Amino acid sequence: MRLFWEIARRSFRRHLTYRAATIAGLITNFGFGWLRVSVLLALYDGRSVVEGITETDLYAYVALTQAVITYLALFGWYDLMESVHTGEVGADLLKPMGYFQFWLAKDAGRAAVALLLRGVVIMIFFSLVFPMSYPVSWVQWVWLGTAVLFSWLVSFAYRFLVNLAAFWTPNAKGISRFAFIFAMFFSGFLMPLRLYPDWVQRLAQWTPFPHMLNTVVEIYLGLLQGPALWQALLTQVVWAAVLAVVGQLLLKTAVRRLVILGG
């Protein structure tokens, strides 16, 4: 456990040094967020509420989804893949901890920086510009924080699994980009899942993607309460565990195929 936290701490410090990238990302995220607000408001067509989501809820939805883009690496994450292609994976596999745990620790540091420097700042920016809604009790804030943590675990387990494609092909980015586009659509990033047709919502519930983002949004907006909230949090844990186990099993097969410098 100490090794895990040491790796996470060093990853955190390393990502803190990218100040220019952080500022550029904040400006870009806020600009695109403003554009998304304009587009999504057009769907309301003068109505104050659509599928239980008010206009103030919509502002909060856009702010929250923009805030976690980098935290959840929704647009893509290729670090593990690149380490396979460069051969660094050989050294990673020799480290005195599991390969999955090693990358989990590295991503924990990255995600923590993204949540603090991008997520929190973007939420503050949006709250200053738009009349957002907020959780109404400290209990709701606690469940929100829990869901945010679980969403990262689901996201990482999925990204780890996708990046293992690098063991089978010298250029796996095409596969990964398709996988990440799929995740963005069904996670509720493009628009709240409640605004999709019923058949799309039912299909999405058979995937892990809503539990990366949509669950967080609905807890924030107070749309999930009581047994439904507990079920949503439990489902996040189950999906994170299932994806992690599948990733570990696939890793065993992938390592057998690994060739570095002919050996």
C-alpha atoms as a PDB file:
ATOM      1  CA  MET A   1       0.000   0.000   0.000  1.00  0.00           C
ATOM      2  CA  ARG A   2       2.863   2.388   0.760  1.00  0.00           C
ATOM      3  CA  LEU A   3       4.338   1.789  -2.694  1.00  0.00           C
ATOM      4  CA  PHE A   4       0.939   2.541  -4.246  1.00  0.00           C
ATOM      5  CA  TRP A   5       0.704   5.902  -2.479  1.00  0.00           C
ATOM      6  CA  GLU A   6       4.306   6.791  -3.311  1.00  0.00           C
ATOM      7  CA  ILE A   7       3.686   6.195  -7.010  1.00  0.00           C
ATOM      8  CA  ALA A   8       0.418   8.147  -6.839  1.00  0.00           C
ATOM      9  CA  ARG A   9       2.143  11.026  -5.035  1.00  0.00           C
ATOM     10  CA  ARG A  10       4.909  11.253  -7.612  1.00  0.00           C
ATOM     11  CA  SER A  11       2.380  11.127 -10.433  1.00  0.00           C
ATOM     12  CA  PHE A  12       0.463  13.932  -8.719  1.00  0.00           C
ATOM     13  CA  ARG A  13       3.586  16.102  -8.462  1.00  0.00           C
ATOM     14  CA  ARG A  14       4.549  15.410 -12.081  1.00  0.00           C
ATOM     15  CA  HIS A  15       1.161  16.466 -13.437  1.00  0.00           C
ATOM     16  CA  LEU A  16       1.196  19.592 -11.282  1.00  0.00           C
ATOM     17  CA  THR A  17       4.081  20.895 -13.403  1.00  0.00           C
ATOM     18  CA  TYR A  18       1.923  21.181 -16.547  1.00  0.00           C
ATOM     19  CA  ARG A  19       0.605  24.629 -15.667  1.00  0.00           C
ATOM     20  CA  ALA A  20       0.318  25.968 -19.228  1.00  0.00           C
ATOM     21  CA  ALA A  21      -1.614  22.886 -20.317  1.00  0.00           C
ATOM     22  CA  THR A  22      -3.921  23.288 -17.331  1.00  0.00           C
ATOM     23  CA  ILE A  23      -4.694  26.918 -18.153  1.00  0.00           C
ATOM     24  CA  ALA A  24      -5.244  26.124 -21.839  1.00  0.00           C
ATOM     25  CA  GLY A  25      -7.493  23.219 -20.881  1.00  0.00           C
ATOM     26  CA  LEU A  26      -9.556  25.415 -18.557  1.00  0.00           C
ATOM     27  CA  ILE A  27     -10.131  28.025 -21.247  1.00  0.00           C
ATOM     28  CA  THR A  28     -11.041  25.377 -23.814  1.00  0.00           C
ATOM     29  CA  ASN A  29     -13.357  23.513 -21.461  1.00  0.00           C
ATOM     30  CA  PHE A  30     -15.177  26.666 -20.444  1.00  0.00           C
ATOM     31  CA  GLY A  31     -15.544  27.797 -24.078  1.00  0.00           C
ATOM     32  CA  PHE A  32     -16.963  24.476 -25.204  1.00  0.00           C
ATOM     33  CA  GLY A  33     -19.149  24.377 -22.112  1.00  0.00           C
ATOM     34  CA  TRP A  34     -20.690  27.721 -23.049  1.00  0.00           C
ATOM     35  CA  LEU A  35     -21.346  26.394 -26.559  1.00  0.00           C
ATOM     36  CA  ARG A  36     -22.963  23.218 -25.155  1.00  0.00           C
ATOM     37  CA  VAL A  37     -25.237  25.289 -22.938  1.00  0.00           C
ATOM     38  CA  SER A  38     -26.490  27.218 -25.982  1.00  0.00           C
ATOM     39  CA  VAL A  39     -27.142  24.033 -27.968  1.00  0.00           C
ATOM     40  CA  LEU A  40     -28.862  22.132 -25.144  1.00  0.00           C
ATOM     41  CA  LEU A  41     -31.053  25.094 -24.190  1.00  0.00           C
ATOM     42  CA  ALA A  42     -32.469  24.982 -27.724  1.00  0.00           C
ATOM     43  CA  LEU A  43     -33.879  21.539 -26.923  1.00  0.00           C
ATOM     44  CA  TYR A  44     -36.109  23.073 -24.256  1.00  0.00           C
ATOM     45  CA  ASP A  45     -37.951  25.197 -26.820  1.00  0.00           C
ATOM     46  CA  GLY A  46     -39.305  27.535 -24.166  1.00  0.00           C
ATOM     47  CA  ARG A  47     -40.169  24.782 -21.658  1.00  0.00           C
ATOM     48  CA  SER A  48     -38.888  25.173 -18.104  1.00  0.00           C
ATOM     49  CA  VAL A  49     -38.536  21.443 -17.381  1.00  0.00           C
ATOM     50  CA  VAL A  50     -37.712  18.473 -19.643  1.00  0.00           C
ATOM     51  CA  GLU A  51     -37.705  14.929 -18.189  1.00  0.00           C
ATOM     52  CA  GLY A  52     -37.332  16.336 -14.673  1.00  0.00           C
ATOM     53  CA  ILE A  53     -34.338  18.531 -15.611  1.00  0.00           C
ATOM     54  CA  THR A  54     -34.808  22.282 -15.183  1.00  0.00           C
ATOM     55  CA  GLU A  55     -32.762  24.958 -16.908  1.00  0.00           C
ATOM     56  CA  THR A  56     -30.708  25.525 -13.761  1.00  0.00           C
ATOM     57  CA  ASP A  57     -30.137  21.757 -13.645  1.00  0.00           C
ATOM     58  CA  LEU A  58     -28.978  21.915 -17.254  1.00  0.00           C
ATOM     59  CA  TYR A  59     -26.363  24.532 -16.409  1.00  0.00           C
ATOM     60  CA  ALA A  60     -25.138  22.319 -13.570  1.00  0.00           C
ATOM     61  CA  TYR A  61     -25.106  19.287 -15.881  1.00  0.00           C
ATOM     62  CA  VAL A  62     -22.883  21.058 -18.431  1.00  0.00           C
ATOM     63  CA  ALA A  63     -20.592  22.401 -15.720  1.00  0.00           C
ATOM     64  CA  LEU A  64     -20.226  18.989 -14.101  1.00  0.00           C
ATOM     65  CA  THR A  65     -19.598  17.110 -17.336  1.00  0.00           C
ATOM     66  CA  GLN A  66     -17.052  19.680 -18.487  1.00  0.00           C
ATOM     67  CA  ALA A  67     -15.391  19.539 -15.066  1.00  0.00           C
ATOM     68  CA  VAL A  68     -14.753  15.784 -15.194  1.00  0.00           C
ATOM     69  CA  ILE A  69     -13.568  15.507 -18.822  1.00  0.00           C
ATOM     70  CA  THR A  70      -9.917  15.338 -17.804  1.00  0.00           C
ATOM     71  CA  TYR A  71     -10.565  13.595 -14.475  1.00  0.00           C
ATOM     72  CA  LEU A  72     -12.196  10.652 -16.259  1.00  0.00           C
ATOM     73  CA  ALA A  73     -10.054  11.032 -19.416  1.00  0.00           C
ATOM     74  CA  LEU A  74     -13.228  10.912 -21.504  1.00  0.00           C
ATOM     75  CA  PHE A  75     -11.485  12.053 -24.680  1.00  0.00           C
ATOM     76  CA  GLY A  76      -8.872   9.310 -24.483  1.00  0.00           C
ATOM     77  CA  TRP A  77      -5.981   7.917 -22.465  1.00  0.00           C
ATOM     78  CA  TYR A  78      -3.045   6.241 -24.192  1.00  0.00           C
ATOM     79  CA  ASP A  79      -0.269   6.159 -21.579  1.00  0.00           C
ATOM     80  CA  LEU A  80      -0.299   2.388 -21.088  1.00  0.00           C
ATOM     81  CA  MET A  81      -0.559   1.815 -24.822  1.00  0.00           C
ATOM     82  CA  GLU A  82       2.440   4.015 -25.532  1.00  0.00           C
ATOM     83  CA  SER A  83       4.505   2.230 -22.882  1.00  0.00           C
ATOM     84  CA  VAL A  84       3.860  -1.046 -24.707  1.00  0.00           C
ATOM     85  CA  HIS A  85       4.865   0.391 -28.065  1.00  0.00           C
ATOM     86  CA  THR A  86       8.077   1.941 -26.682  1.00  0.00           C
ATOM     87  CA  GLY A  87       9.054  -1.160 -24.714  1.00  0.00           C
ATOM     88  CA  GLU A  88       8.813   0.516 -21.300  1.00  0.00           C
ATOM     89  CA  VAL A  89       6.277  -2.150 -20.391  1.00  0.00           C
ATOM     90  CA  GLY A  90       9.183  -4.542 -19.796  1.00  0.00           C
ATOM     91  CA  ALA A  91      10.397  -2.488 -16.847  1.00  0.00           C
ATOM     92  CA  ASP A  92       6.840  -1.901 -15.616  1.00  0.00           C
ATOM     93  CA  LEU A  93       6.148  -5.631 -15.447  1.00  0.00           C
ATOM     94  CA  LEU A  94       9.255  -6.130 -13.299  1.00  0.00           C
ATOM     95  CA  LYS A  95       8.155  -3.626 -10.645  1.00  0.00           C
ATOM     96  CA  PRO A  96       7.367  -5.084  -7.189  1.00  0.00           C
ATOM     97  CA  MET A  97       3.602  -4.610  -7.589  1.00  0.00           C
ATOM     98  CA  GLY A  98       0.880  -5.770  -9.916  1.00  0.00           C
ATOM     99  CA  TYR A  99       0.720  -4.191 -13.362  1.00  0.00           C
ATOM    100  CA  PHE A 100      -2.909  -3.132 -12.867  1.00  0.00           C
ATOM    101  CA  GLN A 101      -2.153  -1.618  -9.445  1.00  0.00           C
ATOM    102  CA  PHE A 102       0.891   0.200 -10.841  1.00  0.00           C
ATOM    103  CA  TRP A 103      -1.162   1.963 -13.509  1.00  0.00           C
ATOM    104  CA  LEU A 104      -3.999   2.552 -11.073  1.00  0.00           C
ATOM    105  CA  ALA A 105      -1.588   4.419  -8.791  1.00  0.00           C
ATOM    106  CA  LYS A 106      -0.208   6.499 -11.661  1.00  0.00           C
ATOM    107  CA  ASP A 107      -3.691   7.379 -12.843  1.00  0.00           C
ATOM    108  CA  ALA A 108      -4.778   8.255  -9.298  1.00  0.00           C
ATOM    109  CA  GLY A 109      -2.190  11.041  -9.192  1.00  0.00           C
ATOM    110  CA  ARG A 110      -3.196  12.299 -12.634  1.00  0.00           C
ATOM    111  CA  ALA A 111      -6.901  12.217 -11.801  1.00  0.00           C
ATOM    112  CA  ALA A 112      -6.398  14.041  -8.487  1.00  0.00           C
ATOM    113  CA  VAL A 113      -4.649  16.931 -10.230  1.00  0.00           C
ATOM    114  CA  ALA A 114      -7.345  17.069 -12.902  1.00  0.00           C
ATOM    115  CA  LEU A 115     -10.118  17.119 -10.315  1.00  0.00           C
ATOM    116  CA  LEU A 116      -8.518  19.873  -8.245  1.00  0.00           C
ATOM    117  CA  LEU A 117      -7.092  22.161 -10.914  1.00  0.00           C
ATOM    118  CA  ARG A 118      -9.690  21.660 -13.617  1.00  0.00           C
ATOM    119  CA  GLY A 119     -12.808  20.183 -12.075  1.00  0.00           C
ATOM    120  CA  VAL A 120     -13.168  22.489  -9.092  1.00  0.00           C
ATOM    121  CA  VAL A 121     -12.105  25.602 -11.027  1.00  0.00           C
ATOM    122  CA  ILE A 122     -14.539  24.935 -13.877  1.00  0.00           C
ATOM    123  CA  MET A 123     -17.406  24.444 -11.423  1.00  0.00           C
ATOM    124  CA  ILE A 124     -16.550  27.785  -9.810  1.00  0.00           C
ATOM    125  CA  PHE A 125     -16.375  29.535 -13.206  1.00  0.00           C
ATOM    126  CA  PHE A 126     -19.772  28.184 -14.240  1.00  0.00           C
ATOM    127  CA  SER A 127     -21.352  29.114 -10.905  1.00  0.00           C
ATOM    128  CA  LEU A 128     -20.232  32.719 -11.429  1.00  0.00           C
ATOM    129  CA  VAL A 129     -21.727  32.925 -14.932  1.00  0.00           C
ATOM    130  CA  PHE A 130     -24.819  30.692 -14.878  1.00  0.00           C
ATOM    131  CA  PRO A 131     -27.635  30.223 -12.322  1.00  0.00           C
ATOM    132  CA  MET A 132     -26.754  26.619 -11.500  1.00  0.00           C
ATOM    133  CA  SER A 133     -28.536  24.271  -9.127  1.00  0.00           C
ATOM    134  CA  TYR A 134     -26.633  22.603  -6.265  1.00  0.00           C
ATOM    135  CA  PRO A 135     -27.053  19.595  -3.974  1.00  0.00           C
ATOM    136  CA  VAL A 136     -29.435  20.548  -1.180  1.00  0.00           C
ATOM    137  CA  SER A 137     -27.866  18.688   1.765  1.00  0.00           C
ATOM    138  CA  TRP A 138     -24.505  17.575   3.062  1.00  0.00           C
ATOM    139  CA  VAL A 139     -25.629  13.953   2.713  1.00  0.00           C
ATOM    140  CA  GLN A 140     -26.131  14.509  -1.004  1.00  0.00           C
ATOM    141  CA  TRP A 141     -22.623  15.972  -1.203  1.00  0.00           C
ATOM    142  CA  VAL A 142     -21.239  12.859   0.506  1.00  0.00           C
ATOM    143  CA  TRP A 143     -22.963  10.523  -1.955  1.00  0.00           C
ATOM    144  CA  LEU A 144     -21.803  12.740  -4.799  1.00  0.00           C
ATOM    145  CA  GLY A 145     -18.182  12.465  -3.653  1.00  0.00           C
ATOM    146  CA  THR A 146     -18.554   8.700  -3.369  1.00  0.00           C
ATOM    147  CA  ALA A 147     -19.996   8.477  -6.875  1.00  0.00           C
ATOM    148  CA  VAL A 148     -17.189  10.633  -8.276  1.00  0.00           C
ATOM    149  CA  LEU A 149     -14.608   8.261  -6.790  1.00  0.00           C
ATOM    150  CA  PHE A 150     -16.410   5.167  -8.076  1.00  0.00           C
ATOM    151  CA  SER A 151     -16.802   6.761 -11.512  1.00  0.00           C
ATOM    152  CA  TRP A 152     -13.027   7.095 -11.750  1.00  0.00           C
ATOM    153  CA  LEU A 153     -12.583   3.419 -10.842  1.00  0.00           C
ATOM    154  CA  VAL A 154     -15.020   2.374 -13.585  1.00  0.00           C
ATOM    155  CA  SER A 155     -13.336   4.713 -16.047  1.00  0.00           C
ATOM    156  CA  PHE A 156      -9.834   3.483 -15.240  1.00  0.00           C
ATOM    157  CA  ALA A 157     -10.780  -0.196 -15.428  1.00  0.00           C
ATOM    158  CA  TYR A 158     -12.347   0.422 -18.849  1.00  0.00           C
ATOM    159  CA  ARG A 159      -9.370   2.447 -20.100  1.00  0.00           C
ATOM    160  CA  PHE A 160      -6.949  -0.202 -18.858  1.00  0.00           C
ATOM    161  CA  LEU A 161      -8.879  -2.863 -20.741  1.00  0.00           C
ATOM    162  CA  VAL A 162      -8.984  -0.811 -23.951  1.00  0.00           C
ATOM    163  CA  ASN A 163      -5.259  -0.003 -23.805  1.00  0.00           C
ATOM    164  CA  LEU A 164      -4.378  -3.707 -23.662  1.00  0.00           C
ATOM    165  CA  ALA A 165      -5.139  -3.774 -27.394  1.00  0.00           C
ATOM    166  CA  ALA A 166      -1.585  -2.473 -27.805  1.00  0.00           C
ATOM    167  CA  PHE A 167      -0.298  -5.985 -27.076  1.00  0.00           C
ATOM    168  CA  TRP A 168      -1.943  -7.248 -30.281  1.00  0.00           C
ATOM    169  CA  THR A 169      -1.340  -4.400 -32.731  1.00  0.00           C
ATOM    170  CA  PRO A 170       1.465  -1.840 -33.270  1.00  0.00           C
ATOM    171  CA  ASN A 171      -1.110   0.930 -33.679  1.00  0.00           C
ATOM    172  CA  ALA A 172      -4.062   0.487 -31.356  1.00  0.00           C
ATOM    173  CA  LYS A 173      -5.140   4.141 -31.199  1.00  0.00           C
ATOM    174  CA  GLY A 174      -7.810   3.597 -33.837  1.00  0.00           C
ATOM    175  CA  ILE A 175      -9.430   0.907 -31.699  1.00  0.00           C
ATOM    176  CA  SER A 176      -9.141   3.089 -28.607  1.00  0.00           C
ATOM    177  CA  ARG A 177     -10.648   6.164 -30.237  1.00  0.00           C
ATOM    178  CA  PHE A 178     -13.657   4.150 -31.323  1.00  0.00           C
ATOM    179  CA  ALA A 179     -13.984   2.784 -27.778  1.00  0.00           C
ATOM    180  CA  PHE A 180     -13.808   6.264 -26.239  1.00  0.00           C
ATOM    181  CA  ILE A 181     -16.400   7.682 -28.671  1.00  0.00           C
ATOM    182  CA  PHE A 182     -18.702   4.841 -27.695  1.00  0.00           C
ATOM    183  CA  ALA A 183     -18.125   5.668 -24.012  1.00  0.00           C
ATOM    184  CA  MET A 184     -18.861   9.379 -24.489  1.00  0.00           C
ATOM    185  CA  PHE A 185     -22.170   8.665 -26.201  1.00  0.00           C
ATOM    186  CA  PHE A 186     -23.536   6.168 -23.685  1.00  0.00           C
ATOM    187  CA  SER A 187     -22.093   7.887 -20.601  1.00  0.00           C
ATOM    188  CA  GLY A 188     -24.418  10.851 -21.003  1.00  0.00           C
ATOM    189  CA  PHE A 189     -21.691  13.311 -21.897  1.00  0.00           C
ATOM    190  CA  LEU A 190     -23.288  14.617 -25.104  1.00  0.00           C
ATOM    191  CA  MET A 191     -26.618  15.183 -23.343  1.00  0.00           C
ATOM    192  CA  PRO A 192     -28.360  13.786 -20.254  1.00  0.00           C
ATOM    193  CA  LEU A 193     -29.347  10.164 -20.807  1.00  0.00           C
ATOM    194  CA  ARG A 194     -32.909  11.028 -19.781  1.00  0.00           C
ATOM    195  CA  LEU A 195     -33.247  13.016 -23.016  1.00  0.00           C
ATOM    196  CA  TYR A 196     -32.385  10.017 -25.204  1.00  0.00           C
ATOM    197  CA  PRO A 197     -35.070   7.684 -26.620  1.00  0.00           C
ATOM    198  CA  ASP A 198     -36.138   4.928 -24.226  1.00  0.00           C
ATOM    199  CA  TRP A 199     -34.468   2.178 -26.249  1.00  0.00           C
ATOM    200  CA  VAL A 200     -31.111   4.011 -26.093  1.00  0.00           C
ATOM    201  CA  GLN A 201     -31.441   4.380 -22.323  1.00  0.00           C
ATOM    202  CA  ARG A 202     -32.212   0.672 -21.937  1.00  0.00           C
ATOM    203  CA  LEU A 203     -29.252  -0.260 -24.113  1.00  0.00           C
ATOM    204  CA  ALA A 204     -26.945   2.071 -22.189  1.00  0.00           C
ATOM    205  CA  GLN A 205     -27.881   0.442 -18.880  1.00  0.00           C
ATOM    206  CA  TRP A 206     -26.350  -2.818 -20.103  1.00  0.00           C
ATOM    207  CA  THR A 207     -22.974  -1.080 -20.424  1.00  0.00           C
ATOM    208  CA  PRO A 208     -20.587   0.427 -17.841  1.00  0.00           C
ATOM    209  CA  PHE A 209     -20.653   3.847 -19.487  1.00  0.00           C
ATOM    210  CA  PRO A 210     -23.555   5.529 -17.627  1.00  0.00           C
ATOM    211  CA  HIS A 211     -21.799   4.653 -14.373  1.00  0.00           C
ATOM    212  CA  MET A 212     -18.781   6.740 -15.393  1.00  0.00           C
ATOM    213  CA  LEU A 213     -20.741   9.967 -15.682  1.00  0.00           C
ATOM    214  CA  ASN A 214     -24.539   9.786 -15.738  1.00  0.00           C
ATOM    215  CA  THR A 215     -24.734   8.396 -12.201  1.00  0.00           C
ATOM    216  CA  VAL A 216     -22.654  11.320 -10.919  1.00  0.00           C
ATOM    217  CA  VAL A 217     -24.888  13.819 -12.729  1.00  0.00           C
ATOM    218  CA  GLU A 218     -28.150  12.331 -11.456  1.00  0.00           C
ATOM    219  CA  ILE A 219     -26.906  12.205  -7.864  1.00  0.00           C
ATOM    220  CA  TYR A 220     -25.784  15.832  -8.112  1.00  0.00           C
ATOM    221  CA  LEU A 221     -29.188  16.879  -9.474  1.00  0.00           C
ATOM    222  CA  GLY A 222     -31.058  14.860  -6.831  1.00  0.00           C
ATOM    223  CA  LEU A 223     -32.688  12.622  -9.456  1.00  0.00           C
ATOM    224  CA  LEU A 224     -31.422   9.512  -7.664  1.00  0.00           C
ATOM    225  CA  GLN A 225     -32.552   9.061  -4.077  1.00  0.00           C
ATOM    226  CA  GLY A 226     -33.277   6.280  -1.638  1.00  0.00           C
ATOM    227  CA  PRO A 227     -32.942   2.697  -2.938  1.00  0.00           C
ATOM    228  CA  ALA A 228     -32.248   3.939  -6.476  1.00  0.00           C
ATOM    229  CA  LEU A 229     -29.201   5.839  -5.222  1.00  0.00           C
ATOM    230  CA  TRP A 230     -27.854   2.831  -3.334  1.00  0.00           C
ATOM    231  CA  GLN A 231     -28.411   0.634  -6.358  1.00  0.00           C
ATOM    232  CA  ALA A 232     -26.561   3.105  -8.602  1.00  0.00           C
ATOM    233  CA  LEU A 233     -23.532   3.205  -6.279  1.00  0.00           C
ATOM    234  CA  LEU A 234     -23.487  -0.581  -5.978  1.00  0.00           C
ATOM    235  CA  THR A 235     -23.678  -0.924  -9.751  1.00  0.00           C
ATOM    236  CA  GLN A 236     -20.652   1.351 -10.082  1.00  0.00           C
ATOM    237  CA  VAL A 237     -18.670  -0.908  -7.757  1.00  0.00           C
ATOM    238  CA  VAL A 238     -19.786  -4.033  -9.599  1.00  0.00           C
ATOM    239  CA  TRP A 239     -18.817  -2.651 -12.999  1.00  0.00           C
ATOM    240  CA  ALA A 240     -15.425  -1.491 -11.709  1.00  0.00           C
ATOM    241  CA  ALA A 241     -14.770  -4.968 -10.290  1.00  0.00           C
ATOM    242  CA  VAL A 242     -15.965  -6.791 -13.423  1.00  0.00           C
ATOM    243  CA  LEU A 243     -13.867  -4.648 -15.767  1.00  0.00           C
ATOM    244  CA  ALA A 244     -10.831  -4.999 -13.492  1.00  0.00           C
ATOM    245  CA  VAL A 245     -11.136  -8.799 -13.430  1.00  0.00           C
ATOM    246  CA  VAL A 246     -11.580  -8.984 -17.209  1.00  0.00           C
ATOM    247  CA  GLY A 247      -8.567  -6.708 -17.610  1.00  0.00           C
ATOM    248  CA  GLN A 248      -6.434  -8.948 -15.388  1.00  0.00           C
ATOM    249  CA  LEU A 249      -7.459 -12.053 -17.321  1.00  0.00           C
ATOM    250  CA  LEU A 250      -6.771 -10.383 -20.653  1.00  0.00           C
ATOM    251  CA  LEU A 251      -3.414  -9.135 -19.347  1.00  0.00           C
ATOM    252  CA  LYS A 252      -2.272 -12.707 -18.703  1.00  0.00           C
ATOM    253  CA  THR A 253      -2.900 -13.554 -22.345  1.00  0.00           C
ATOM    254  CA  ALA A 254      -1.358 -10.271 -23.518  1.00  0.00           C
ATOM    255  CA  VAL A 255       1.910 -10.792 -21.612  1.00  0.00           C
ATOM    256  CA  ARG A 256       2.406 -14.146 -23.338  1.00  0.00           C
ATOM    257  CA  ARG A 257       2.386 -12.307 -26.660  1.00  0.00           C
ATOM    258  CA  LEU A 258       4.812  -9.600 -25.577  1.00  0.00           C
ATOM    259  CA  VAL A 259       8.088  -9.452 -27.491  1.00  0.00           C
ATOM    260  CA  ILE A 260      10.782  -6.913 -26.536  1.00  0.00           C
ATOM    261  CA  LEU A 261      14.068  -6.861 -28.436  1.00  0.00           C
ATOM    262  CA  GLY A 262      13.297 -10.314 -29.813  1.00  0.00           C
ATOM    263  CA  GLY A 263      12.805 -11.944 -26.389  1.00  0.00           C
END
